Amino acid sequence: MEIQENREIFATRVQAGSRTYFVDVKINRQGEPYLTICEVNKLGERIRLMVFEDHAEEFIAAVEQAMEVIREHKTT
């Protein structure tokens, strides 16, 4: 059975003012999942970031660390 390339298995959208973020999990040709994060601005310009499974844990850990710093420096 051949696995369809870039098959989407999860998708969500985050509306953030004039920007929209799409967070998707897809399956590559080898059947391995990977994460894509796509930003679309009000002009329709797209920026896409792909994070593969073997680096996903490190990527998420870095984002969590960044969020801790943001929370510490958040003004009330």
N, C-alpha and C. Protein backbone atom coordinates (compact mmCIF):
# COMPACT_ATOMS: atom_id res chain seq x y z
N MET A 1 0.84 -1.19 0.00
CA MET A 1 0.00 0.00 0.00
C MET A 1 0.88 1.25 0.00
N GLU A 2 0.71 2.09 -0.95
CA GLU A 2 1.50 3.31 -1.07
C GLU A 2 0.86 4.42 -0.24
N ILE A 3 1.69 5.12 0.52
CA ILE A 3 1.21 6.22 1.34
C ILE A 3 1.22 7.49 0.51
N GLN A 4 0.13 8.22 0.54
CA GLN A 4 0.00 9.45 -0.22
C GLN A 4 0.90 10.53 0.39
N GLU A 5 1.72 11.18 -0.43
CA GLU A 5 2.62 12.22 0.05
C GLU A 5 1.83 13.41 0.57
N ASN A 6 2.33 13.99 1.67
CA ASN A 6 1.76 15.19 2.27
C ASN A 6 0.31 15.03 2.70
N ARG A 7 -0.06 13.84 3.08
CA ARG A 7 -1.42 13.61 3.58
C ARG A 7 -1.57 14.30 4.92
N GLU A 8 -2.59 15.12 5.04
CA GLU A 8 -2.83 15.89 6.26
C GLU A 8 -3.59 15.03 7.27
N ILE A 9 -3.06 14.97 8.51
CA ILE A 9 -3.74 14.19 9.54
C ILE A 9 -4.23 15.07 10.70
N PHE A 10 -3.82 16.34 10.71
CA PHE A 10 -4.28 17.29 11.72
C PHE A 10 -4.14 18.68 11.14
N ALA A 11 -5.12 19.53 11.43
CA ALA A 11 -5.05 20.92 10.97
C ALA A 11 -5.83 21.80 11.93
N THR A 12 -5.25 22.94 12.24
CA THR A 12 -5.95 23.95 13.03
C THR A 12 -5.51 25.32 12.56
N ARG A 13 -6.34 26.30 12.84
CA ARG A 13 -6.09 27.67 12.40
C ARG A 13 -6.15 28.59 13.59
N VAL A 14 -5.24 29.57 13.63
CA VAL A 14 -5.22 30.58 14.68
C VAL A 14 -5.33 31.94 14.01
N GLN A 15 -6.39 32.67 14.32
CA GLN A 15 -6.57 34.02 13.78
C GLN A 15 -5.95 34.98 14.78
N ALA A 16 -5.00 35.80 14.33
CA ALA A 16 -4.29 36.73 15.21
C ALA A 16 -4.23 38.09 14.54
N GLY A 17 -5.27 38.86 14.71
CA GLY A 17 -5.32 40.18 14.09
C GLY A 17 -5.31 40.07 12.58
N SER A 18 -4.34 40.71 11.94
CA SER A 18 -4.27 40.70 10.48
C SER A 18 -3.52 39.48 9.94
N ARG A 19 -3.12 38.59 10.82
CA ARG A 19 -2.39 37.39 10.42
C ARG A 19 -3.20 36.15 10.76
N THR A 20 -2.99 35.13 9.97
CA THR A 20 -3.59 33.83 10.24
C THR A 20 -2.47 32.81 10.25
N TYR A 21 -2.50 31.94 11.24
CA TYR A 21 -1.51 30.87 11.34
C TYR A 21 -2.21 29.53 11.14
N PHE A 22 -1.61 28.68 10.36
CA PHE A 22 -2.12 27.34 10.15
C PHE A 22 -1.08 26.36 10.72
N VAL A 23 -1.53 25.46 11.58
CA VAL A 23 -0.65 24.45 12.17
C VAL A 23 -1.18 23.10 11.70
N ASP A 24 -0.37 22.39 10.95
CA ASP A 24 -0.79 21.12 10.36
C ASP A 24 0.23 20.02 10.67
N VAL A 25 -0.27 18.81 10.75
CA VAL A 25 0.60 17.64 10.79
C VAL A 25 0.30 16.85 9.53
N LYS A 26 1.35 16.54 8.79
CA LYS A 26 1.21 15.81 7.54
C LYS A 26 2.08 14.56 7.58
N ILE A 27 1.86 13.67 6.64
CA ILE A 27 2.64 12.43 6.52
C ILE A 27 3.43 12.50 5.22
N ASN A 28 4.75 12.21 5.29
CA ASN A 28 5.56 12.22 4.07
C ASN A 28 5.47 10.88 3.34
N ARG A 29 6.21 10.73 2.27
CA ARG A 29 6.16 9.51 1.45
C ARG A 29 6.55 8.25 2.22
N GLN A 30 7.41 8.43 3.22
CA GLN A 30 7.87 7.29 4.01
C GLN A 30 6.92 6.96 5.17
N GLY A 31 5.84 7.70 5.27
CA GLY A 31 4.86 7.47 6.33
C GLY A 31 5.20 8.15 7.63
N GLU A 32 6.16 9.07 7.62
CA GLU A 32 6.59 9.76 8.83
C GLU A 32 5.87 11.10 8.97
N PRO A 33 5.41 11.41 10.18
CA PRO A 33 4.71 12.69 10.37
C PRO A 33 5.69 13.86 10.46
N TYR A 34 5.21 15.02 10.04
CA TYR A 34 5.98 16.25 10.22
C TYR A 34 5.02 17.41 10.44
N LEU A 35 5.52 18.46 11.06
CA LEU A 35 4.74 19.62 11.43
C LEU A 35 4.99 20.74 10.43
N THR A 36 3.93 21.42 10.03
CA THR A 36 4.10 22.64 9.24
C THR A 36 3.37 23.77 9.96
N ILE A 37 4.01 24.92 9.97
CA ILE A 37 3.41 26.13 10.51
C ILE A 37 3.47 27.15 9.39
N CYS A 38 2.33 27.68 9.04
CA CYS A 38 2.26 28.62 7.93
C CYS A 38 1.62 29.91 8.42
N GLU A 39 2.24 31.03 8.12
CA GLU A 39 1.69 32.34 8.45
C GLU A 39 1.23 32.99 7.15
N VAL A 40 0.02 33.52 7.16
CA VAL A 40 -0.50 34.27 6.02
C VAL A 40 -0.89 35.65 6.53
N ASN A 41 -0.31 36.70 5.93
CA ASN A 41 -0.65 38.05 6.37
C ASN A 41 -1.81 38.60 5.55
N LYS A 42 -2.22 39.81 5.85
CA LYS A 42 -3.39 40.39 5.18
C LYS A 42 -3.17 40.62 3.69
N LEU A 43 -1.92 40.64 3.24
CA LEU A 43 -1.62 40.79 1.82
C LEU A 43 -1.62 39.44 1.09
N GLY A 44 -1.82 38.36 1.85
CA GLY A 44 -1.83 37.03 1.26
C GLY A 44 -0.46 36.40 1.14
N GLU A 45 0.55 37.06 1.69
CA GLU A 45 1.90 36.51 1.65
C GLU A 45 2.00 35.35 2.63
N ARG A 46 2.67 34.27 2.20
CA ARG A 46 2.79 33.08 3.03
C ARG A 46 4.25 32.82 3.42
N ILE A 47 4.40 32.43 4.66
CA ILE A 47 5.70 31.97 5.15
C ILE A 47 5.45 30.61 5.77
N ARG A 48 6.20 29.61 5.32
CA ARG A 48 5.98 28.24 5.80
C ARG A 48 7.24 27.70 6.46
N LEU A 49 7.02 27.06 7.59
CA LEU A 49 8.09 26.42 8.35
C LEU A 49 7.73 24.95 8.49
N MET A 50 8.68 24.08 8.19
CA MET A 50 8.45 22.64 8.33
C MET A 50 9.40 22.11 9.39
N VAL A 51 8.86 21.32 10.33
CA VAL A 51 9.65 20.71 11.40
C VAL A 51 9.42 19.21 11.32
N PHE A 52 10.49 18.48 11.09
CA PHE A 52 10.37 17.03 10.96
C PHE A 52 10.46 16.35 12.32
N GLU A 53 9.92 15.17 12.38
CA GLU A 53 9.75 14.42 13.63
C GLU A 53 11.03 14.33 14.45
N ASP A 54 12.17 14.11 13.79
CA ASP A 54 13.41 13.92 14.54
C ASP A 54 13.90 15.19 15.24
N HIS A 55 13.31 16.35 14.92
CA HIS A 55 13.68 17.60 15.58
C HIS A 55 12.50 18.27 16.29
N ALA A 56 11.34 17.65 16.27
CA ALA A 56 10.13 18.26 16.81
C ALA A 56 10.23 18.51 18.31
N GLU A 57 10.75 17.56 19.06
CA GLU A 57 10.85 17.74 20.52
C GLU A 57 11.73 18.93 20.86
N GLU A 58 12.86 19.06 20.19
CA GLU A 58 13.76 20.19 20.44
C GLU A 58 13.09 21.51 20.05
N PHE A 59 12.37 21.49 18.95
CA PHE A 59 11.68 22.69 18.47
C PHE A 59 10.63 23.13 19.49
N ILE A 60 9.81 22.19 19.95
CA ILE A 60 8.76 22.51 20.92
C ILE A 60 9.37 22.99 22.23
N ALA A 61 10.45 22.36 22.67
CA ALA A 61 11.13 22.80 23.89
C ALA A 61 11.62 24.24 23.76
N ALA A 62 12.16 24.59 22.61
CA ALA A 62 12.64 25.96 22.38
C ALA A 62 11.48 26.95 22.39
N VAL A 63 10.35 26.58 21.80
CA VAL A 63 9.17 27.45 21.81
C VAL A 63 8.66 27.61 23.25
N GLU A 64 8.64 26.53 24.02
CA GLU A 64 8.21 26.62 25.42
C GLU A 64 9.13 27.53 26.23
N GLN A 65 10.44 27.44 26.00
CA GLN A 65 11.38 28.33 26.68
C GLN A 65 11.12 29.78 26.29
N ALA A 66 10.89 30.02 25.02
CA ALA A 66 10.60 31.37 24.55
C ALA A 66 9.32 31.91 25.21
N MET A 67 8.31 31.07 25.35
CA MET A 67 7.07 31.49 25.98
C MET A 67 7.28 31.84 27.46
N GLU A 68 8.15 31.11 28.14
CA GLU A 68 8.46 31.44 29.54
C GLU A 68 9.05 32.84 29.63
N VAL A 69 9.97 33.17 28.72
CA VAL A 69 10.58 34.50 28.71
C VAL A 69 9.53 35.56 28.40
N ILE A 70 8.66 35.29 27.46
CA ILE A 70 7.59 36.24 27.11
C ILE A 70 6.70 36.48 28.33
N ARG A 71 6.32 35.42 29.02
CA ARG A 71 5.47 35.56 30.21
C ARG A 71 6.17 36.37 31.30
N GLU A 72 7.46 36.15 31.49
CA GLU A 72 8.22 36.89 32.51
C GLU A 72 8.30 38.37 32.20
N HIS A 73 8.33 38.72 30.93
CA HIS A 73 8.48 40.11 30.53
C HIS A 73 7.17 40.78 30.11
N LYS A 74 6.10 40.06 30.29
CA LYS A 74 4.77 40.60 29.91
C LYS A 74 4.39 41.74 30.83
N THR A 75 3.93 42.82 30.23
CA THR A 75 3.45 43.95 31.03
C THR A 75 1.97 43.74 31.32
N THR A 76 1.54 44.18 32.47
CA THR A 76 0.14 43.99 32.84
C THR A 76 -0.66 45.24 32.67
